[in-house]
Amino acid sequence: MNLPRRKPAPSQEPSRPGTPQLPELDSWLRGACALTVAGVAAYASYVHQRTFALQGGADPISASLWPLSVDGLLLLATTALLRQTRTGTHRAHHLVWLSFLLGIAVSLAANIAAAPTLAWKPVLVAGWPPVALLLSVELLVHRPADVPGPSHVRRAEAKPERARHQEDPLLERARQIDARHRELNKRSASAEVLRKELHIGASRARQLHSRLRKNGDSTDPVPGPRGRATPDDRQHPA
């Protein structure tokens, strides 16, 4: 008797733990490109502003430090604008915008003034570095959200599991009181007992007592408005 042969299941190659996922690789590539552009633009802007400072009569040391104050202020204002929240004061908001506008104006003016002539080509070459530096920093700080990878999926699946384990702390104490009361009195604790032992209100005690009954930890009837059993729930002798 010939039995039908089963087709072999397609082999699935397990992902190597050391191989980076595609979203993470894309994020690293974008960050590396933005850093490269920012480094080149910062160097070109520094050279132009240092030349401008030397032409303005600054000594070599001051001319070397002056570009750092201009572009540094611009970068600080840019990051503050990208990360500011609505909780800040109006004074802080206006100060950030003032720093940003002054930084970009002085940086552009210093770079353009360092151009050999005022023709459009030298002006474009001299004025582009601060703009490229500003945009690259913005791309670094305000990057788009990555596509969720397997690690994000695992963390999202673990959240409901942790939420199930995070129960009401009073519920655990109510279980202990109910178990102790059952050992001493051969019956489960009522809502009035829970209220006195936990020092809580009547509505909170009834809620805990109802949850105990729902979980099967208690067999008493649901208490009435004042923590007593309703007439319909009272057990009459046969």
Protein backbone atom coordinates (compact mmCIF):
# COMPACT_ATOMS: atom_id res chain seq x y z
CA MET A 1 0.00 0.00 0.00
CA ASN A 2 1.49 3.27 -1.11
CA LEU A 3 0.81 6.18 1.19
CA PRO A 4 0.76 9.69 -0.24
CA ARG A 5 3.93 11.52 0.47
CA ARG A 6 3.71 14.75 2.32
CA LYS A 7 5.32 17.78 0.81
CA PRO A 8 8.14 19.10 2.94
CA ALA A 9 7.30 22.36 4.65
CA PRO A 10 9.20 25.35 3.35
CA SER A 11 12.22 26.01 5.47
CA GLN A 12 12.26 29.27 7.34
CA GLU A 13 15.66 30.67 8.05
CA PRO A 14 15.82 32.05 11.60
CA SER A 15 16.89 35.63 11.88
CA ARG A 16 20.39 36.01 13.15
CA PRO A 17 20.60 37.85 16.46
CA GLY A 18 23.52 39.98 15.29
CA THR A 19 21.89 41.12 12.03
CA PRO A 20 20.32 44.61 12.31
CA GLN A 21 16.70 44.95 11.23
CA LEU A 22 15.74 47.10 8.25
CA PRO A 23 14.13 49.98 10.21
CA GLU A 24 17.15 50.19 12.51
CA LEU A 25 19.53 50.16 9.53
CA ASP A 26 17.53 52.93 7.85
CA SER A 27 17.67 55.00 11.02
CA TRP A 28 21.43 54.56 11.28
CA LEU A 29 21.93 55.52 7.61
CA ARG A 30 19.83 58.67 7.96
CA GLY A 31 21.72 59.65 11.09
CA ALA A 32 25.11 59.06 9.45
CA CYS A 33 24.16 61.11 6.38
CA ALA A 34 22.82 63.97 8.49
CA LEU A 35 25.98 63.98 10.61
CA THR A 36 28.17 64.05 7.50
CA VAL A 37 26.28 66.99 6.02
CA ALA A 38 26.34 68.80 9.35
CA GLY A 39 30.09 68.30 9.72
CA VAL A 40 30.91 69.58 6.22
CA ALA A 41 28.56 72.57 6.56
CA ALA A 42 29.91 73.42 10.03
CA TYR A 43 33.50 73.38 8.75
CA ALA A 44 32.71 75.60 5.74
CA SER A 45 30.70 78.01 7.88
CA TYR A 46 33.50 78.14 10.45
CA VAL A 47 36.11 79.01 7.80
CA HIS A 48 33.94 81.77 6.31
CA GLN A 49 33.11 83.32 9.67
CA ARG A 50 36.73 83.18 10.80
CA THR A 51 37.75 85.03 7.65
CA PHE A 52 35.03 87.59 8.29
CA ALA A 53 36.21 88.06 11.90
CA LEU A 54 39.83 88.57 10.76
CA GLN A 55 38.66 91.14 8.23
CA GLY A 56 36.74 92.88 11.00
CA GLY A 57 39.90 93.45 13.05
CA ALA A 58 39.74 90.52 15.51
CA ASP A 59 42.94 88.84 16.64
CA PRO A 60 43.60 85.23 15.54
CA ILE A 61 42.37 83.67 18.80
CA SER A 62 39.18 85.73 18.92
CA ALA A 63 38.57 85.09 15.23
CA SER A 64 38.88 81.35 15.84
CA LEU A 65 36.36 81.45 18.70
CA TRP A 66 33.85 83.89 17.21
CA PRO A 67 32.21 81.39 14.77
CA LEU A 68 31.52 79.03 17.66
CA SER A 69 29.45 81.67 19.43
CA VAL A 70 27.36 82.39 16.32
CA ASP A 71 26.67 78.84 15.11
CA GLY A 72 26.49 77.56 18.68
CA LEU A 73 23.70 80.00 19.49
CA LEU A 74 21.91 79.05 16.27
CA LEU A 75 22.10 75.32 17.05
CA LEU A 76 20.87 75.81 20.60
CA ALA A 77 17.92 77.88 19.41
CA THR A 78 17.09 75.35 16.69
CA THR A 79 16.99 72.40 19.08
CA ALA A 80 14.97 74.45 21.57
CA LEU A 81 12.40 75.29 18.88
CA LEU A 82 12.09 71.65 17.82
CA ARG A 83 11.67 70.35 21.35
CA GLN A 84 9.72 73.14 23.01
CA THR A 85 6.32 72.35 24.56
CA ARG A 86 3.26 74.41 25.30
CA THR A 87 4.11 74.51 29.00
CA GLY A 88 6.82 77.15 28.49
CA THR A 89 6.26 80.81 29.24
CA HIS A 90 5.80 83.45 26.56
CA ARG A 91 9.05 85.09 27.58
CA ALA A 92 11.01 81.87 27.01
CA HIS A 93 9.24 81.31 23.70
CA HIS A 94 10.09 84.80 22.46
CA LEU A 95 13.68 84.46 23.69
CA VAL A 96 14.16 81.24 21.74
CA TRP A 97 12.79 82.79 18.57
CA LEU A 98 14.95 85.89 19.04
CA SER A 99 18.07 83.74 19.46
CA PHE A 100 17.17 81.74 16.36
CA LEU A 101 16.58 84.81 14.17
CA LEU A 102 19.72 86.58 15.39
CA GLY A 103 21.82 83.45 14.92
CA ILE A 104 20.67 82.76 11.37
CA ALA A 105 20.96 86.45 10.40
CA VAL A 106 24.50 86.88 11.76
CA SER A 107 25.64 83.53 10.37
CA LEU A 108 24.31 84.27 6.89
CA ALA A 109 25.72 87.80 6.94
CA ALA A 110 29.17 86.65 8.05
CA ASN A 111 29.31 83.85 5.48
CA ILE A 112 28.13 86.06 2.63
CA ALA A 113 30.50 88.88 3.65
CA ALA A 114 33.41 86.45 3.40
CA ALA A 115 32.68 85.89 -0.30
CA PRO A 116 35.36 87.36 -2.59
CA THR A 117 32.78 89.18 -4.73
CA LEU A 118 29.04 89.85 -4.53
CA ALA A 119 28.26 87.82 -7.64
CA TRP A 120 25.58 85.17 -7.29
CA LYS A 121 27.97 82.21 -7.46
CA PRO A 122 30.30 83.30 -4.62
CA VAL A 123 27.29 84.40 -2.56
CA LEU A 124 25.61 81.02 -3.06
CA VAL A 125 28.78 79.13 -2.14
CA ALA A 126 29.33 81.26 0.96
CA GLY A 127 25.71 81.38 2.11
CA TRP A 128 24.87 77.70 1.70
CA PRO A 129 26.86 76.22 4.67
CA PRO A 130 24.77 77.80 7.48
CA VAL A 131 21.54 76.77 5.76
CA ALA A 132 22.79 73.18 5.31
CA LEU A 133 23.98 73.10 8.92
CA LEU A 134 20.58 74.30 10.15
CA LEU A 135 18.61 71.76 8.10
CA SER A 136 20.89 68.85 8.99
CA VAL A 137 20.55 69.58 12.70
CA GLU A 138 16.78 69.72 12.29
CA LEU A 139 16.81 66.33 10.57
CA LEU A 140 18.93 64.89 13.36
CA VAL A 141 16.72 66.18 16.15
CA HIS A 142 13.32 65.77 14.50
CA ARG A 143 13.69 62.41 12.75
CA PRO A 144 10.55 60.64 11.45
CA ALA A 145 9.20 57.75 13.47
CA ASP A 146 10.65 54.38 12.56
CA VAL A 147 8.55 51.51 11.29
CA PRO A 148 7.90 49.15 14.22
CA GLY A 149 10.19 46.17 14.07
CA PRO A 150 10.09 42.80 15.84
CA SER A 151 11.44 44.29 19.06
CA HIS A 152 8.65 46.90 19.09
CA VAL A 153 6.07 44.15 18.48
CA ARG A 154 7.41 42.08 21.37
CA ARG A 155 7.28 45.09 23.70
CA ALA A 156 3.72 45.86 22.58
CA GLU A 157 2.66 42.27 23.28
CA ALA A 158 4.30 42.33 26.70
CA LYS A 159 2.35 45.41 27.85
CA PRO A 160 -1.04 43.63 28.25
CA GLU A 161 0.72 40.83 30.10
CA ARG A 162 2.21 43.29 32.60
CA ALA A 163 -1.12 45.07 32.92
CA ARG A 164 -2.81 41.83 33.93
CA HIS A 165 -0.31 41.29 36.69
CA GLN A 166 -0.65 44.84 38.01
CA GLU A 167 -3.78 44.41 40.14
CA ASP A 168 -5.34 46.63 42.71
CA PRO A 169 -3.20 46.47 45.88
CA LEU A 170 -6.35 46.66 48.01
CA LEU A 171 -7.72 43.59 46.25
CA GLU A 172 -4.79 41.49 47.42
CA ARG A 173 -5.23 42.73 51.00
CA ALA A 174 -8.94 42.01 50.73
CA ARG A 175 -8.13 38.42 49.73
CA GLN A 176 -5.91 38.04 52.77
CA ILE A 177 -8.57 39.46 55.09
CA ASP A 178 -11.19 37.21 53.51
CA ALA A 179 -9.03 34.11 53.93
CA ARG A 180 -8.25 34.94 57.56
CA HIS A 181 -11.91 35.68 58.30
CA ARG A 182 -12.96 32.39 56.72
CA GLU A 183 -10.53 30.44 58.89
CA LEU A 184 -11.80 32.08 62.08
CA ASN A 185 -15.55 32.34 61.39
CA LYS A 186 -16.06 29.60 58.76
CA ARG A 187 -17.48 32.14 56.32
CA SER A 188 -16.15 34.79 53.99
CA ALA A 189 -15.72 38.40 55.03
CA SER A 190 -18.54 40.80 54.28
CA ALA A 191 -18.20 44.26 52.80
CA GLU A 192 -18.57 45.78 56.27
CA VAL A 193 -15.61 43.73 57.51
CA LEU A 194 -13.52 44.84 54.54
CA ARG A 195 -14.49 48.45 55.17
CA LYS A 196 -13.36 48.33 58.80
CA GLU A 197 -10.17 46.38 58.16
CA LEU A 198 -9.01 48.43 55.15
CA HIS A 199 -10.31 51.78 56.48
CA ILE A 200 -12.09 52.59 53.21
CA GLY A 201 -15.54 53.81 52.24
CA ALA A 202 -18.63 51.67 51.89
CA SER A 203 -18.78 51.90 48.10
CA ARG A 204 -15.12 50.88 47.80
CA ALA A 205 -15.69 47.98 50.17
CA ARG A 206 -18.68 46.79 48.13
CA GLN A 207 -16.61 47.01 44.99
CA LEU A 208 -13.84 44.86 46.46
CA HIS A 209 -16.37 42.38 47.81
CA SER A 210 -17.99 42.13 44.39
CA ARG A 211 -14.62 41.48 42.74
CA LEU A 212 -13.88 38.74 45.27
CA ARG A 213 -17.17 37.07 44.44
CA LYS A 214 -16.52 37.46 40.72
CA ASN A 215 -13.12 35.79 41.04
CA GLY A 216 -14.61 32.96 43.08
CA ASP A 217 -12.81 33.94 46.29
CA SER A 218 -16.03 34.61 48.20
CA THR A 219 -19.45 33.01 48.34
CA ASP A 220 -21.37 35.65 50.29
CA PRO A 221 -24.24 37.55 48.65
CA VAL A 222 -23.65 41.01 47.26
CA PRO A 223 -24.21 43.59 50.03
CA GLY A 224 -26.91 46.22 49.82
CA PRO A 225 -26.49 49.98 49.93
CA ARG A 226 -25.33 49.98 53.57
CA GLY A 227 -23.10 46.91 53.45
CA ARG A 228 -25.94 44.50 54.43
CA ALA A 229 -27.43 41.70 52.45
CA THR A 230 -30.62 42.56 50.57
CA PRO A 231 -33.82 40.69 51.43
CA ASP A 232 -33.78 38.85 48.11
CA ASP A 233 -30.28 37.53 48.77
CA ARG A 234 -30.98 36.21 52.27
CA GLN A 235 -31.04 32.46 52.54
CA HIS A 236 -34.15 31.14 54.32
CA PRO A 237 -34.03 27.73 56.02
CA ALA A 238 -35.78 24.94 54.16
